[in-house]
């Protein structure tokens, strides 16, 4: 009986640890910010990073350029630093 309980406990631990597996991003939050800043270099205004979050395998970077009346959200792959998707609004 004790052997069965031990086997079930170990099995449960293995299953639960597999469900909570999160890969560690290869790029940092600061690198994600830098990628966004470089991708929006313009002659008018300056980009300000409003927020950065990490979800799944991407950084979600919200930014604003008040002088150019622009804002948006860029989605950065946390493995290679490429912009996956970008949303931009102009006033």
C-alpha atoms as a PDB file:
ATOM      1  CA  UNK A   1       0.000   0.000   0.000  1.00  0.00           C
ATOM      2  CA  UNK A   2       2.791   2.391   0.913  1.00  0.00           C
ATOM      3  CA  UNK A   3       4.493   1.649  -2.405  1.00  0.00           C
ATOM      4  CA  UNK A   4       1.341   2.589  -4.345  1.00  0.00           C
ATOM      5  CA  UNK A   5       0.978   5.869  -2.459  1.00  0.00           C
ATOM      6  CA  UNK A   6       4.632   6.713  -3.165  1.00  0.00           C
ATOM      7  CA  UNK A   7       4.276   5.933  -6.875  1.00  0.00           C
ATOM      8  CA  UNK A   8       1.086   8.008  -7.130  1.00  0.00           C
ATOM      9  CA  UNK A   9       2.738  10.917  -5.299  1.00  0.00           C
ATOM     10  CA  UNK A  10       5.760  10.889  -7.591  1.00  0.00           C
ATOM     11  CA  UNK A  11       3.516  10.659 -10.657  1.00  0.00           C
ATOM     12  CA  UNK A  12       1.476  13.631  -9.482  1.00  0.00           C
ATOM     13  CA  UNK A  13       4.618  15.707  -8.895  1.00  0.00           C
ATOM     14  CA  UNK A  14       5.943  14.886 -12.376  1.00  0.00           C
ATOM     15  CA  UNK A  15       2.642  15.803 -14.036  1.00  0.00           C
ATOM     16  CA  UNK A  16       2.270  19.062 -12.093  1.00  0.00           C
ATOM     17  CA  UNK A  17       5.840  20.194 -12.755  1.00  0.00           C
ATOM     18  CA  UNK A  18       5.372  19.525 -16.477  1.00  0.00           C
ATOM     19  CA  UNK A  19       2.275  21.711 -16.567  1.00  0.00           C
ATOM     20  CA  UNK A  20       4.065  24.665 -14.982  1.00  0.00           C
ATOM     21  CA  UNK A  21       7.044  24.634 -17.340  1.00  0.00           C
ATOM     22  CA  UNK A  22       7.923  28.154 -18.505  1.00  0.00           C
ATOM     23  CA  UNK A  23      10.872  28.781 -20.761  1.00  0.00           C
ATOM     24  CA  UNK A  24      13.256  31.531 -19.788  1.00  0.00           C
ATOM     25  CA  UNK A  25      13.361  34.372 -22.335  1.00  0.00           C
ATOM     26  CA  UNK A  26      16.611  34.704 -24.267  1.00  0.00           C
ATOM     27  CA  UNK A  27      16.265  38.483 -24.495  1.00  0.00           C
ATOM     28  CA  UNK A  28      15.730  40.788 -21.534  1.00  0.00           C
ATOM     29  CA  UNK A  29      12.984  43.326 -20.967  1.00  0.00           C
ATOM     30  CA  UNK A  30      15.541  46.098 -21.583  1.00  0.00           C
ATOM     31  CA  UNK A  31      16.479  44.555 -24.935  1.00  0.00           C
ATOM     32  CA  UNK A  32      12.793  44.400 -25.908  1.00  0.00           C
ATOM     33  CA  UNK A  33      12.444  48.119 -25.067  1.00  0.00           C
ATOM     34  CA  UNK A  34      15.522  48.927 -27.144  1.00  0.00           C
ATOM     35  CA  UNK A  35      14.151  47.010 -30.134  1.00  0.00           C
ATOM     36  CA  UNK A  36      10.915  49.006 -29.991  1.00  0.00           C
ATOM     37  CA  UNK A  37      12.727  52.334 -29.627  1.00  0.00           C
ATOM     38  CA  UNK A  38      14.972  51.579 -32.628  1.00  0.00           C
ATOM     39  CA  UNK A  39      12.049  50.471 -34.783  1.00  0.00           C
ATOM     40  CA  UNK A  40      10.171  53.759 -34.274  1.00  0.00           C
ATOM     41  CA  UNK A  41      12.978  56.278 -34.834  1.00  0.00           C
ATOM     42  CA  UNK A  42      11.505  59.285 -36.653  1.00  0.00           C
ATOM     43  CA  UNK A  43      12.318  62.920 -37.261  1.00  0.00           C
ATOM     44  CA  UNK A  44       9.302  64.116 -35.270  1.00  0.00           C
ATOM     45  CA  UNK A  45       9.090  63.480 -31.548  1.00  0.00           C
ATOM     46  CA  UNK A  46      10.505  60.910 -29.214  1.00  0.00           C
ATOM     47  CA  UNK A  47       9.141  57.479 -28.324  1.00  0.00           C
ATOM     48  CA  UNK A  48       8.308  56.894 -24.662  1.00  0.00           C
ATOM     49  CA  UNK A  49       7.823  53.339 -23.383  1.00  0.00           C
ATOM     50  CA  UNK A  50       4.618  53.256 -21.328  1.00  0.00           C
ATOM     51  CA  UNK A  51       4.683  49.616 -20.171  1.00  0.00           C
ATOM     52  CA  UNK A  52       6.293  46.235 -20.767  1.00  0.00           C
ATOM     53  CA  UNK A  53       4.799  42.864 -19.892  1.00  0.00           C
ATOM     54  CA  UNK A  54       5.704  39.293 -20.713  1.00  0.00           C
ATOM     55  CA  UNK A  55       3.102  36.739 -21.738  1.00  0.00           C
ATOM     56  CA  UNK A  56       3.709  33.360 -23.317  1.00  0.00           C
ATOM     57  CA  UNK A  57       6.748  33.693 -25.540  1.00  0.00           C
ATOM     58  CA  UNK A  58       6.578  37.424 -26.190  1.00  0.00           C
ATOM     59  CA  UNK A  59       7.085  40.827 -24.655  1.00  0.00           C
ATOM     60  CA  UNK A  60       4.201  43.256 -25.038  1.00  0.00           C
ATOM     61  CA  UNK A  61       5.601  46.791 -25.232  1.00  0.00           C
ATOM     62  CA  UNK A  62       3.229  49.777 -25.186  1.00  0.00           C
ATOM     63  CA  UNK A  63       4.684  53.065 -26.386  1.00  0.00           C
ATOM     64  CA  UNK A  64       3.703  56.655 -27.161  1.00  0.00           C
ATOM     65  CA  UNK A  65       5.018  59.569 -29.228  1.00  0.00           C
ATOM     66  CA  UNK A  66       3.143  62.677 -28.028  1.00  0.00           C
ATOM     67  CA  UNK A  67       4.781  65.101 -30.479  1.00  0.00           C
ATOM     68  CA  UNK A  68       3.766  62.961 -33.465  1.00  0.00           C
ATOM     69  CA  UNK A  69       0.380  62.019 -31.937  1.00  0.00           C
ATOM     70  CA  UNK A  70       1.139  58.291 -32.211  1.00  0.00           C
ATOM     71  CA  UNK A  71       0.876  55.358 -29.843  1.00  0.00           C
ATOM     72  CA  UNK A  72       0.936  51.629 -30.174  1.00  0.00           C
ATOM     73  CA  UNK A  73       1.788  48.170 -28.965  1.00  0.00           C
ATOM     74  CA  UNK A  74       4.591  45.988 -30.293  1.00  0.00           C
ATOM     75  CA  UNK A  75       4.849  42.253 -29.679  1.00  0.00           C
ATOM     76  CA  UNK A  76       8.465  41.057 -29.463  1.00  0.00           C
ATOM     77  CA  UNK A  77       9.509  37.394 -29.682  1.00  0.00           C
ATOM     78  CA  UNK A  78      11.443  36.625 -26.466  1.00  0.00           C
ATOM     79  CA  UNK A  79      13.714  34.114 -28.210  1.00  0.00           C
ATOM     80  CA  UNK A  80      15.040  36.107 -31.185  1.00  0.00           C
ATOM     81  CA  UNK A  81      13.941  39.719 -30.591  1.00  0.00           C
ATOM     82  CA  UNK A  82      11.916  40.009 -33.798  1.00  0.00           C
ATOM     83  CA  UNK A  83       8.747  42.065 -33.879  1.00  0.00           C
ATOM     84  CA  UNK A  84       5.920  39.545 -34.254  1.00  0.00           C
ATOM     85  CA  UNK A  85       3.095  42.070 -34.546  1.00  0.00           C
ATOM     86  CA  UNK A  86       2.660  45.819 -34.179  1.00  0.00           C
ATOM     87  CA  UNK A  87      -0.391  47.988 -33.660  1.00  0.00           C
ATOM     88  CA  UNK A  88      -0.131  51.748 -34.210  1.00  0.00           C
ATOM     89  CA  UNK A  89      -2.716  54.526 -33.813  1.00  0.00           C
ATOM     90  CA  UNK A  90      -2.403  58.087 -35.063  1.00  0.00           C
ATOM     91  CA  UNK A  91      -4.636  60.848 -33.672  1.00  0.00           C
END
